N, C-alpha and C. Protein backbone atom coordinates (compact mmCIF):
# COMPACT_ATOMS: atom_id res chain seq x y z
N UNK A 1 98.02 66.54 15.76
CA UNK A 1 98.14 66.89 14.34
C UNK A 1 99.43 66.32 13.74
N UNK A 2 100.54 66.44 14.48
CA UNK A 2 101.82 65.99 13.93
C UNK A 2 101.83 64.49 13.66
N UNK A 3 101.08 63.73 14.46
CA UNK A 3 101.05 62.28 14.26
C UNK A 3 100.38 61.92 12.94
N UNK A 4 99.45 62.75 12.48
CA UNK A 4 98.82 62.50 11.18
C UNK A 4 99.86 62.68 10.06
N UNK A 5 100.65 63.73 10.17
CA UNK A 5 101.71 63.95 9.17
C UNK A 5 102.73 62.82 9.21
N UNK A 6 103.06 62.35 10.41
CA UNK A 6 103.99 61.24 10.53
C UNK A 6 103.42 59.98 9.89
N UNK A 7 102.14 59.72 10.11
CA UNK A 7 101.50 58.55 9.52
C UNK A 7 101.51 58.62 7.99
N UNK A 8 101.24 59.80 7.46
CA UNK A 8 101.26 59.98 6.00
C UNK A 8 102.68 59.77 5.47
N UNK A 9 103.67 60.32 6.16
CA UNK A 9 105.06 60.17 5.73
C UNK A 9 105.49 58.71 5.76
N UNK A 10 105.08 57.98 6.79
CA UNK A 10 105.41 56.56 6.87
C UNK A 10 104.75 55.80 5.72
N UNK A 11 103.47 56.08 5.46
CA UNK A 11 102.77 55.40 4.37
C UNK A 11 103.42 55.68 3.02
N UNK A 12 103.78 56.94 2.78
CA UNK A 12 104.46 57.26 1.53
C UNK A 12 105.79 56.53 1.41
N UNK A 13 106.53 56.47 2.49
CA UNK A 13 107.83 55.78 2.47
C UNK A 13 107.65 54.30 2.16
N UNK A 14 106.66 53.69 2.79
CA UNK A 14 106.41 52.26 2.59
C UNK A 14 105.89 51.98 1.17
N UNK A 15 104.98 52.81 0.70
CA UNK A 15 104.41 52.62 -0.64
C UNK A 15 105.48 52.83 -1.72
N UNK A 16 106.39 53.76 -1.50
CA UNK A 16 107.42 54.03 -2.50
C UNK A 16 108.43 52.92 -2.66
N UNK A 17 108.66 52.15 -1.61
CA UNK A 17 109.69 51.12 -1.64
C UNK A 17 109.48 50.07 -2.72
N UNK A 18 108.29 49.45 -2.86
CA UNK A 18 108.12 48.46 -3.92
C UNK A 18 108.32 49.04 -5.33
N UNK A 19 107.96 50.30 -5.51
CA UNK A 19 108.18 50.93 -6.81
C UNK A 19 109.67 51.01 -7.13
N UNK A 20 110.45 51.38 -6.14
CA UNK A 20 111.91 51.47 -6.34
C UNK A 20 112.49 50.09 -6.59
N UNK A 21 112.03 49.10 -5.84
CA UNK A 21 112.52 47.73 -6.02
C UNK A 21 112.21 47.24 -7.43
N UNK A 22 111.05 47.62 -7.95
CA UNK A 22 110.66 47.22 -9.31
C UNK A 22 111.22 48.15 -10.37
N UNK A 23 112.09 49.07 -9.94
CA UNK A 23 112.75 50.02 -10.83
C UNK A 23 111.76 50.90 -11.60
N UNK A 24 110.78 51.42 -10.86
CA UNK A 24 109.80 52.36 -11.42
C UNK A 24 110.12 53.76 -10.92
N UNK A 25 110.06 54.74 -11.79
CA UNK A 25 110.40 56.12 -11.40
C UNK A 25 109.46 56.67 -10.35
N UNK A 26 108.24 56.16 -10.30
CA UNK A 26 107.27 56.66 -9.35
C UNK A 26 107.75 56.50 -7.90
N UNK A 27 108.54 55.47 -7.65
CA UNK A 27 109.06 55.25 -6.31
C UNK A 27 109.92 56.40 -5.84
N UNK A 28 110.76 56.92 -6.71
CA UNK A 28 111.60 58.07 -6.35
C UNK A 28 110.75 59.31 -6.09
N UNK A 29 109.70 59.49 -6.89
CA UNK A 29 108.82 60.64 -6.69
C UNK A 29 108.07 60.53 -5.36
N UNK A 30 107.60 59.33 -5.05
CA UNK A 30 106.89 59.12 -3.78
C UNK A 30 107.85 59.34 -2.61
N UNK A 31 109.06 58.80 -2.71
CA UNK A 31 110.06 59.00 -1.66
C UNK A 31 110.39 60.48 -1.50
N UNK A 32 110.50 61.21 -2.61
CA UNK A 32 110.80 62.64 -2.51
C UNK A 32 109.70 63.37 -1.73
N UNK A 33 108.45 63.03 -2.01
CA UNK A 33 107.34 63.65 -1.27
C UNK A 33 107.41 63.29 0.22
N UNK A 34 107.70 62.03 0.51
CA UNK A 34 107.82 61.60 1.90
C UNK A 34 108.96 62.35 2.59
N UNK A 35 110.07 62.51 1.90
CA UNK A 35 111.22 63.19 2.50
C UNK A 35 110.94 64.65 2.79
N UNK A 36 110.22 65.32 1.90
CA UNK A 36 109.84 66.71 2.16
C UNK A 36 108.97 66.78 3.41
N UNK A 37 108.06 65.85 3.53
CA UNK A 37 107.20 65.82 4.71
C UNK A 37 108.01 65.53 5.98
N UNK A 38 108.96 64.59 5.91
CA UNK A 38 109.81 64.30 7.07
C UNK A 38 110.65 65.51 7.45
N UNK A 39 111.15 66.22 6.48
CA UNK A 39 111.94 67.42 6.78
C UNK A 39 111.08 68.43 7.54
N UNK A 40 109.86 68.65 7.07
CA UNK A 40 108.95 69.57 7.74
C UNK A 40 108.69 69.12 9.18
N UNK A 41 108.38 67.84 9.35
CA UNK A 41 108.10 67.30 10.68
C UNK A 41 109.29 67.48 11.60
N UNK A 42 110.48 67.15 11.11
CA UNK A 42 111.68 67.24 11.94
C UNK A 42 112.05 68.68 12.30
N UNK A 43 111.94 69.58 11.34
CA UNK A 43 112.25 70.99 11.63
C UNK A 43 111.25 71.53 12.65
N UNK A 44 109.99 71.20 12.46
CA UNK A 44 108.96 71.66 13.40
C UNK A 44 109.18 71.10 14.81
N UNK A 45 109.74 69.89 14.87
CA UNK A 45 109.99 69.25 16.16
C UNK A 45 111.35 69.60 16.74
N UNK A 46 112.16 70.35 15.99
CA UNK A 46 113.48 70.73 16.47
C UNK A 46 114.54 69.66 16.32
N UNK A 47 114.28 68.67 15.47
CA UNK A 47 115.23 67.58 15.25
C UNK A 47 115.99 67.89 13.96
N UNK A 48 116.90 68.84 14.06
CA UNK A 48 117.53 69.41 12.87
C UNK A 48 118.50 68.45 12.18
N UNK A 49 119.22 67.65 12.92
CA UNK A 49 120.14 66.72 12.28
C UNK A 49 119.39 65.65 11.49
N UNK A 50 118.27 65.20 12.03
CA UNK A 50 117.47 64.24 11.28
C UNK A 50 116.85 64.91 10.05
N UNK A 51 116.47 66.17 10.16
CA UNK A 51 115.96 66.91 9.00
C UNK A 51 117.04 66.98 7.92
N UNK A 52 118.29 67.18 8.34
CA UNK A 52 119.40 67.20 7.38
C UNK A 52 119.55 65.84 6.71
N UNK A 53 119.39 64.76 7.48
CA UNK A 53 119.47 63.42 6.90
C UNK A 53 118.39 63.23 5.85
N UNK A 54 117.17 63.66 6.13
CA UNK A 54 116.10 63.53 5.15
C UNK A 54 116.30 64.48 3.97
N UNK A 55 117.00 65.58 4.19
CA UNK A 55 117.39 66.44 3.08
C UNK A 55 118.33 65.70 2.14
N UNK A 56 119.26 64.95 2.72
CA UNK A 56 120.16 64.12 1.92
C UNK A 56 119.36 63.06 1.15
N UNK A 57 118.42 62.41 1.85
CA UNK A 57 117.58 61.41 1.18
C UNK A 57 116.76 62.03 0.06
N UNK A 58 116.31 63.26 0.25
CA UNK A 58 115.57 63.96 -0.80
C UNK A 58 116.45 64.15 -2.03
N UNK A 59 117.67 64.58 -1.81
CA UNK A 59 118.61 64.74 -2.93
C UNK A 59 118.84 63.41 -3.63
N UNK A 60 118.99 62.33 -2.86
CA UNK A 60 119.20 61.01 -3.45
C UNK A 60 117.99 60.57 -4.26
N UNK A 61 116.78 60.86 -3.78
CA UNK A 61 115.57 60.48 -4.51
C UNK A 61 115.46 61.25 -5.82
N UNK A 62 115.76 62.54 -5.79
CA UNK A 62 115.72 63.36 -7.01
C UNK A 62 116.79 62.87 -7.99
N UNK A 63 117.99 62.63 -7.47
CA UNK A 63 119.08 62.13 -8.33
C UNK A 63 118.69 60.79 -8.94
N UNK A 64 118.10 59.90 -8.15
CA UNK A 64 117.68 58.60 -8.66
C UNK A 64 116.64 58.72 -9.76
N UNK A 65 115.68 59.61 -9.58
CA UNK A 65 114.65 59.80 -10.61
C UNK A 65 115.26 60.36 -11.89
N UNK A 66 116.17 61.32 -11.77
CA UNK A 66 116.81 61.89 -12.95
C UNK A 66 117.68 60.86 -13.66
N UNK A 67 118.42 60.06 -12.88
CA UNK A 67 119.27 59.02 -13.48
C UNK A 67 118.41 57.97 -14.18
N UNK A 68 117.32 57.59 -13.54
CA UNK A 68 116.42 56.61 -14.15
C UNK A 68 115.90 57.13 -15.48
N UNK A 69 115.49 58.40 -15.48
CA UNK A 69 114.97 59.01 -16.71
C UNK A 69 116.03 59.04 -17.81
N UNK A 70 117.25 59.41 -17.44
CA UNK A 70 118.34 59.46 -18.40
C UNK A 70 118.63 58.06 -18.96
N UNK A 71 118.65 57.06 -18.08
CA UNK A 71 118.91 55.69 -18.51
C UNK A 71 117.83 55.17 -19.43
N UNK A 72 116.57 55.55 -19.17
CA UNK A 72 115.47 55.11 -20.02
C UNK A 72 115.53 55.73 -21.41
N UNK A 73 115.99 56.98 -21.48
CA UNK A 73 116.10 57.66 -22.77
C UNK A 73 117.22 57.07 -23.63
N UNK A 74 118.26 56.54 -22.97
CA UNK A 74 119.39 56.01 -23.72
C UNK A 74 119.14 54.60 -24.24
N UNK A 75 118.04 53.98 -23.86
CA UNK A 75 117.73 52.62 -24.33
C UNK A 75 117.09 52.63 -25.69
């Protein structure tokens, strides 16, 4: 079962990357979803430091989406 969640998290991470490269807000949202899934997987597996790393990535994805939104409004 856990490998299915890992596969979904990998796919979300990969799919989100081109959106971020093209400066689309959807990339940050996709990454945020992937990071939540990675945190769940890591906590369930007992890999707490890696879960903390993905928690940091989650914060960065949310911050990026908010900054992107703010920048778009100021144009």
